[in-house]
Amino acid sequence: MKQNSATSSRRPLERVTPAEPAATPQGPQPRNIQRAEAVPARGFAIMVDGCMKTNYDDEAAAKKAATDLMSRFPKLHVQIFDAAPKTRSKV
């Protein structure tokens, strides 16, 4: 069999080292995450199936959002949490 000249003069593969990762600034990064299980210190929050979801400044906005949610998803257990007395009320 005749060999192709390109296959007979193969070079071994070169090893490639991975690039260094990009440098990150030192120190803790600021986080702006609102935890779902955190109880709000002021205002009102919607609780869905026992988990805090959305915070509102006034009760009327929280009730409107809760009733809209209940009309879209009637099987959910929706409550409004009042942060001042730390009480819950059903919608």
Protein backbone atom coordinates (compact mmCIF):
# COMPACT_ATOMS: atom_id res chain seq x y z
CA MET A 1 0.00 0.00 0.00
CA LYS A 2 1.16 3.46 -0.80
CA GLN A 3 1.36 5.95 2.10
CA ASN A 4 0.40 9.53 1.74
CA SER A 5 3.30 11.88 2.41
CA ALA A 6 1.08 13.98 4.72
CA THR A 7 0.37 11.04 7.04
CA SER A 8 3.94 9.84 7.21
CA SER A 9 5.33 13.13 8.52
CA ARG A 10 2.96 13.67 11.45
CA ARG A 11 4.17 15.68 14.39
CA PRO A 12 3.18 14.81 17.95
CA LEU A 13 0.42 16.94 19.39
CA GLU A 14 1.45 19.96 21.40
CA ARG A 15 0.20 20.26 24.94
CA VAL A 16 -1.85 23.36 25.60
CA THR A 17 -2.04 24.69 29.12
CA PRO A 18 -5.28 26.35 30.23
CA ALA A 19 -5.30 30.10 30.57
CA GLU A 20 -5.16 31.64 34.00
CA PRO A 21 -8.56 32.66 35.38
CA ALA A 22 -9.37 36.35 35.38
CA ALA A 23 -8.29 38.15 38.52
CA THR A 24 -11.13 38.97 40.91
CA PRO A 25 -11.07 41.85 43.36
CA GLN A 26 -10.23 40.85 46.90
CA GLY A 27 -12.74 41.09 49.71
CA PRO A 28 -16.39 40.19 50.07
CA GLN A 29 -18.73 41.14 47.28
CA PRO A 30 -21.85 43.16 48.18
CA ARG A 31 -25.00 41.08 48.00
CA ASN A 32 -28.45 42.43 47.31
CA ILE A 33 -30.48 39.29 47.83
CA GLN A 34 -33.81 39.25 49.58
CA ARG A 35 -34.31 35.89 51.22
CA ALA A 36 -37.73 34.32 50.86
CA GLU A 37 -37.85 33.12 54.45
CA ALA A 38 -36.75 36.46 55.95
CA VAL A 39 -39.49 38.24 57.87
CA PRO A 40 -39.82 41.90 56.81
CA ALA A 41 -39.17 44.53 59.48
CA ARG A 42 -41.83 46.94 58.19
CA GLY A 43 -44.74 47.00 55.76
CA PHE A 44 -46.67 44.04 54.42
CA ALA A 45 -45.68 40.86 52.62
CA ILE A 46 -47.52 38.22 50.63
CA MET A 47 -47.08 34.69 51.91
CA VAL A 48 -47.70 31.88 49.42
CA ASP A 49 -47.91 28.39 50.88
CA GLY A 50 -46.09 29.59 54.01
CA CYS A 51 -43.19 31.34 52.23
CA MET A 52 -42.66 35.11 52.10
CA LYS A 53 -42.72 36.29 48.51
CA THR A 54 -43.22 40.03 47.91
CA ASN A 55 -43.03 43.07 50.19
CA TYR A 56 -45.36 46.09 49.97
CA ASP A 57 -45.43 49.41 51.80
CA ASP A 58 -49.20 49.58 52.27
CA GLU A 59 -51.92 47.04 52.97
CA ALA A 60 -54.10 48.00 49.98
CA ALA A 61 -51.35 47.15 47.48
CA ALA A 62 -50.66 43.85 49.23
CA LYS A 63 -54.37 42.91 49.22
CA LYS A 64 -54.74 43.79 45.54
CA ALA A 65 -51.71 41.69 44.59
CA ALA A 66 -52.92 38.81 46.76
CA THR A 67 -56.43 38.82 45.26
CA ASP A 68 -54.97 38.96 41.74
CA LEU A 69 -52.78 35.99 42.59
CA MET A 70 -55.74 34.08 44.07
CA SER A 71 -57.85 34.75 40.99
CA ARG A 72 -55.10 33.38 38.73
CA PHE A 73 -54.17 30.43 40.94
CA PRO A 74 -57.09 29.48 43.21
CA LYS A 75 -55.35 26.44 44.75
CA LEU A 76 -52.59 28.51 46.38
CA HIS A 77 -52.73 29.27 50.09
CA VAL A 78 -52.21 33.06 50.12
CA GLN A 79 -51.94 35.24 53.23
CA ILE A 80 -50.89 38.82 53.98
CA PHE A 81 -48.25 39.28 56.67
CA ASP A 82 -48.27 42.56 58.64
CA ALA A 83 -44.76 43.27 59.93
CA ALA A 84 -45.68 45.68 62.75
CA PRO A 85 -47.78 43.28 64.90
CA LYS A 86 -46.33 40.20 63.13
CA THR A 87 -49.74 38.81 62.22
CA ARG A 88 -51.11 37.02 59.17
CA SER A 89 -54.51 37.44 57.58
CA LYS A 90 -56.18 35.30 54.94
CA VAL A 91 -57.24 36.79 51.63
